[in-house]
């Protein structure tokens, strides 16, 4: 009986903590998705009350989530003006994509040495899902599969230090990578690139995969830079857009 009461006591203490952690993680992920998919745009001032209503939460978990996103470079917090979505300069965009192209290229080399047949089959399945999303003009679904393919290649490299750098850097450019696929020719080229990635993985050809990934990321950068003028117009707050 005593042991049972001890377990119940521990559960009662741990459950609220676990629930808070799940809520925190969920809010962070929702806000990341809003930024990636352009619901919240670069430079946009965030309306806390509106976001709380949208997510069905109080201001405390929202502000905790915003602090996490600020550390990731996705949000800028000004003590006097509040929080806004971070806007990268042209130089920051180009430098970040250049670095990312090197990171993904190196991950591709390592992945060809260490990937399993089962992991390659997972990547193939994601590629088929990506093709289906394109046929349905489902950009979020397409990007989800696209992102998962790159993520699995990075995981297959089996290098935890490389993994941490990849995750940190990739969060800053998720939204740009998402929007770079909005034109049909770019979807076609990206699909062709991913077919070549799979062939390189099956051949365990690290040099080939490295070259594909480096070019793929640099072409993404060029596509983003072509879009940049359209994104550099006047910044609206979330309040103004809704009004």
Protein backbone atom coordinates (compact mmCIF):
# COMPACT_ATOMS: atom_id res chain seq x y z
CA UNK A 1 0.00 0.00 0.00
CA UNK A 2 2.78 2.35 0.93
CA UNK A 3 4.59 1.71 -2.35
CA UNK A 4 1.37 2.41 -4.27
CA UNK A 5 0.88 5.74 -2.53
CA UNK A 6 4.49 6.72 -3.28
CA UNK A 7 4.00 5.94 -7.00
CA UNK A 8 0.73 7.88 -7.09
CA UNK A 9 2.43 10.83 -5.40
CA UNK A 10 5.26 10.82 -7.93
CA UNK A 11 2.81 10.55 -10.83
CA UNK A 12 0.80 13.51 -9.54
CA UNK A 13 3.97 15.58 -9.42
CA UNK A 14 5.34 14.48 -12.77
CA UNK A 15 2.17 14.66 -14.87
CA UNK A 16 1.76 18.46 -14.77
CA UNK A 17 5.45 18.83 -15.65
CA UNK A 18 5.13 16.42 -18.59
CA UNK A 19 1.98 18.16 -19.78
CA UNK A 20 3.73 21.54 -19.64
CA UNK A 21 6.64 20.14 -21.64
CA UNK A 22 4.31 18.70 -24.28
CA UNK A 23 2.48 22.02 -24.49
CA UNK A 24 5.78 23.90 -24.80
CA UNK A 25 7.03 21.61 -27.58
CA UNK A 26 3.70 21.81 -29.42
CA UNK A 27 3.59 25.62 -29.31
CA UNK A 28 7.19 25.88 -30.54
CA UNK A 29 6.47 23.48 -33.41
CA UNK A 30 3.28 25.32 -34.42
CA UNK A 31 5.10 28.67 -34.50
CA UNK A 32 7.95 27.16 -36.53
CA UNK A 33 5.38 25.88 -39.03
CA UNK A 34 3.67 29.28 -39.21
CA UNK A 35 7.03 30.85 -40.10
CA UNK A 36 8.05 28.12 -42.56
CA UNK A 37 4.75 28.20 -44.46
CA UNK A 38 4.56 32.00 -44.58
CA UNK A 39 1.62 32.42 -42.20
CA UNK A 40 4.02 34.65 -40.27
CA UNK A 41 6.25 36.56 -42.69
CA UNK A 42 9.76 38.04 -42.36
CA UNK A 43 9.72 41.30 -40.42
CA UNK A 44 6.12 40.83 -39.25
CA UNK A 45 5.36 42.10 -35.75
CA UNK A 46 3.65 39.41 -33.67
CA UNK A 47 0.37 40.06 -31.95
CA UNK A 48 0.53 38.00 -28.73
CA UNK A 49 -3.19 38.15 -28.02
CA UNK A 50 -4.05 36.96 -31.51
CA UNK A 51 -1.53 34.11 -31.39
CA UNK A 52 -2.83 33.03 -27.98
CA UNK A 53 -6.37 32.93 -29.37
CA UNK A 54 -5.24 30.98 -32.44
CA UNK A 55 -3.32 28.40 -30.41
CA UNK A 56 -5.75 28.31 -27.47
CA UNK A 57 -3.06 29.08 -24.89
CA UNK A 58 -2.16 31.73 -22.33
CA UNK A 59 0.64 34.27 -22.76
CA UNK A 60 3.11 32.39 -20.55
CA UNK A 61 3.66 29.33 -22.82
CA UNK A 62 3.63 31.63 -25.86
CA UNK A 63 6.38 33.82 -24.45
CA UNK A 64 8.42 30.76 -23.45
CA UNK A 65 8.13 29.47 -27.02
CA UNK A 66 9.12 32.85 -28.47
CA UNK A 67 12.30 32.79 -26.36
CA UNK A 68 13.22 29.41 -27.87
CA UNK A 69 12.61 30.69 -31.40
CA UNK A 70 14.66 33.80 -30.62
CA UNK A 71 17.60 31.57 -29.64
CA UNK A 72 17.17 29.73 -32.94
CA UNK A 73 17.31 33.03 -34.85
CA UNK A 74 13.70 32.80 -36.10
CA UNK A 75 12.28 35.55 -33.90
CA UNK A 76 13.68 38.90 -32.79
CA UNK A 77 12.56 40.24 -29.42
CA UNK A 78 12.83 43.98 -28.77
CA UNK A 79 12.05 45.03 -25.16
CA UNK A 80 10.22 48.13 -26.39
CA UNK A 81 8.58 46.86 -29.59
CA UNK A 82 7.87 43.21 -28.77
CA UNK A 83 8.58 40.21 -30.97
CA UNK A 84 8.78 40.03 -34.76
CA UNK A 85 9.77 37.40 -37.32
CA UNK A 86 13.46 37.62 -38.14
CA UNK A 87 14.36 38.92 -41.60
CA UNK A 88 17.65 37.78 -43.14
CA UNK A 89 19.65 40.18 -45.28
CA UNK A 90 20.70 39.15 -48.79
CA UNK A 91 24.24 38.59 -47.52
CA UNK A 92 23.03 36.43 -44.63
CA UNK A 93 20.87 34.36 -46.99
CA UNK A 94 23.73 33.73 -49.41
CA UNK A 95 26.26 32.95 -46.67
CA UNK A 96 23.87 30.60 -44.88
CA UNK A 97 23.05 28.66 -48.05
CA UNK A 98 26.75 28.47 -48.96
CA UNK A 99 27.52 26.97 -45.56
CA UNK A 100 24.53 24.66 -45.73
CA UNK A 101 25.58 23.39 -49.15
CA UNK A 102 28.93 22.35 -47.67
CA UNK A 103 27.30 20.69 -44.65
CA UNK A 104 24.84 18.71 -46.78
CA UNK A 105 27.58 17.75 -49.26
CA UNK A 106 29.75 16.37 -46.44
CA UNK A 107 26.76 14.56 -44.91
CA UNK A 108 26.13 12.98 -48.32
CA UNK A 109 29.68 11.62 -48.47
CA UNK A 110 29.41 10.09 -45.01
CA UNK A 111 25.91 8.76 -45.68
CA UNK A 112 27.11 6.79 -48.70
CA UNK A 113 29.59 5.01 -46.43
CA UNK A 114 27.14 4.31 -43.60
CA UNK A 115 23.55 4.19 -44.85
CA UNK A 116 21.59 0.93 -44.67
CA UNK A 117 19.40 -0.59 -47.39
CA UNK A 118 16.38 -0.05 -45.14
CA UNK A 119 17.14 3.67 -44.86
CA UNK A 120 17.40 3.93 -48.64
CA UNK A 121 13.96 2.30 -48.92
CA UNK A 122 12.60 4.91 -46.49
CA UNK A 123 14.03 7.67 -48.68
CA UNK A 124 12.45 6.08 -51.78
CA UNK A 125 9.06 5.99 -50.04
CA UNK A 126 9.39 9.66 -49.16
CA UNK A 127 10.27 10.44 -52.77
CA UNK A 128 7.08 8.70 -53.97
CA UNK A 129 5.11 10.72 -51.41
CA UNK A 130 6.78 13.88 -52.68
CA UNK A 131 5.76 13.05 -56.25
CA UNK A 132 2.17 12.48 -55.13
CA UNK A 133 2.11 15.83 -53.33
CA UNK A 134 3.36 17.57 -56.46
CA UNK A 135 0.60 16.02 -58.57
CA UNK A 136 -1.94 17.29 -56.02
CA UNK A 137 -0.29 20.75 -55.91
CA UNK A 138 0.20 20.21 -52.16
CA UNK A 139 3.20 22.39 -51.36
CA UNK A 140 3.21 21.77 -47.56
CA UNK A 141 3.01 17.99 -48.14
CA UNK A 142 5.69 18.19 -50.82
CA UNK A 143 8.01 20.18 -48.57
CA UNK A 144 7.42 17.83 -45.62
CA UNK A 145 8.62 14.84 -47.67
CA UNK A 146 11.43 16.86 -49.26
CA UNK A 147 12.68 17.99 -45.87
CA UNK A 148 12.44 14.44 -44.48
CA UNK A 149 14.65 13.11 -47.30
CA UNK A 150 17.41 15.61 -46.52
CA UNK A 151 16.98 14.86 -42.83
CA UNK A 152 17.37 11.10 -43.33
CA UNK A 153 20.53 11.61 -45.41
CA UNK A 154 21.92 13.73 -42.59
CA UNK A 155 21.00 11.10 -40.00
CA UNK A 156 22.60 8.38 -42.14
CA UNK A 157 25.92 10.24 -41.87
CA UNK A 158 26.02 9.00 -38.23
CA UNK A 159 27.84 12.12 -37.00
CA UNK A 160 26.27 13.84 -33.98
CA UNK A 161 28.39 17.01 -34.23
CA UNK A 162 27.43 17.45 -37.89
CA UNK A 163 23.82 16.77 -36.94
CA UNK A 164 23.68 19.59 -34.42
CA UNK A 165 25.16 22.11 -36.84
CA UNK A 166 22.76 20.98 -39.56
CA UNK A 167 19.67 21.35 -37.34
CA UNK A 168 20.68 24.76 -36.02
CA UNK A 169 21.46 26.19 -39.44
CA UNK A 170 18.55 24.59 -41.26
CA UNK A 171 15.97 26.14 -38.92
CA UNK A 172 17.03 29.59 -40.09
CA UNK A 173 16.28 28.85 -43.75
CA UNK A 174 13.29 26.47 -43.57
CA UNK A 175 10.90 29.21 -44.68
CA UNK A 176 13.13 30.20 -47.61
CA UNK A 177 13.55 26.59 -48.75
CA UNK A 178 9.77 26.12 -48.55
CA UNK A 179 8.97 29.15 -50.69
CA UNK A 180 11.69 28.42 -53.25
CA UNK A 181 9.54 25.51 -54.58
CA UNK A 182 6.47 27.57 -55.39
CA UNK A 183 7.18 27.67 -59.13
CA UNK A 184 6.43 24.52 -61.18
CA UNK A 185 9.82 24.35 -63.02
CA UNK A 186 11.63 24.39 -59.67
CA UNK A 187 9.46 21.51 -58.43
CA UNK A 188 10.43 19.51 -61.54
CA UNK A 189 14.13 20.22 -61.10
CA UNK A 190 13.99 19.34 -57.39
CA UNK A 191 12.28 16.01 -58.15
CA UNK A 192 14.96 15.18 -60.71
CA UNK A 193 17.68 16.05 -58.17
CA UNK A 194 16.12 13.72 -55.59
CA UNK A 195 15.97 10.87 -58.13
CA UNK A 196 19.72 11.37 -58.69
CA UNK A 197 20.30 11.43 -54.90
CA UNK A 198 18.66 8.03 -54.55
CA UNK A 199 20.76 6.58 -57.40
CA UNK A 200 23.93 7.93 -55.80
CA UNK A 201 22.96 6.43 -52.43
CA UNK A 202 22.24 3.03 -54.02
CA UNK A 203 25.63 3.18 -55.77
CA UNK A 204 27.26 4.28 -52.48
CA UNK A 205 28.94 7.02 -54.55
CA UNK A 206 29.83 9.73 -52.02
CA UNK A 207 31.42 12.08 -54.54
CA UNK A 208 28.36 12.00 -56.80
CA UNK A 209 25.92 12.59 -53.96
CA UNK A 210 28.10 15.34 -52.52
CA UNK A 211 28.14 17.17 -55.88
CA UNK A 212 24.34 16.79 -56.27
CA UNK A 213 23.61 18.15 -52.80
CA UNK A 214 26.02 21.08 -53.11
CA UNK A 215 24.54 22.15 -56.45
CA UNK A 216 20.99 21.54 -55.18
CA UNK A 217 21.48 23.91 -52.23
CA UNK A 218 23.24 26.60 -54.26
CA UNK A 219 20.42 26.53 -56.83
CA UNK A 220 17.96 26.91 -53.93
CA UNK A 221 19.93 29.97 -52.90
CA UNK A 222 19.67 31.44 -56.41
CA UNK A 223 15.91 30.81 -56.42
CA UNK A 224 15.56 32.50 -53.03
CA UNK A 225 17.61 35.51 -54.14
CA UNK A 226 15.34 35.93 -57.17
CA UNK A 227 12.36 36.02 -54.80
CA UNK A 228 14.00 38.45 -52.37
CA UNK A 229 12.78 41.72 -53.99
CA UNK A 230 9.18 40.53 -53.66
CA UNK A 231 9.73 40.00 -49.92
CA UNK A 232 11.37 43.34 -49.24
CA UNK A 233 8.22 45.45 -49.33
CA UNK A 234 6.67 47.25 -46.37
CA UNK A 235 6.27 45.15 -43.23
CA UNK A 236 2.79 44.72 -41.80
CA UNK A 237 1.94 43.65 -38.30
CA UNK A 238 -0.28 40.63 -37.74
CA UNK A 239 -2.90 43.07 -36.43
CA UNK A 240 -2.83 45.20 -39.61
CA UNK A 241 -3.10 42.17 -41.90
CA UNK A 242 -6.20 40.94 -40.10
CA UNK A 243 -7.84 44.34 -40.04
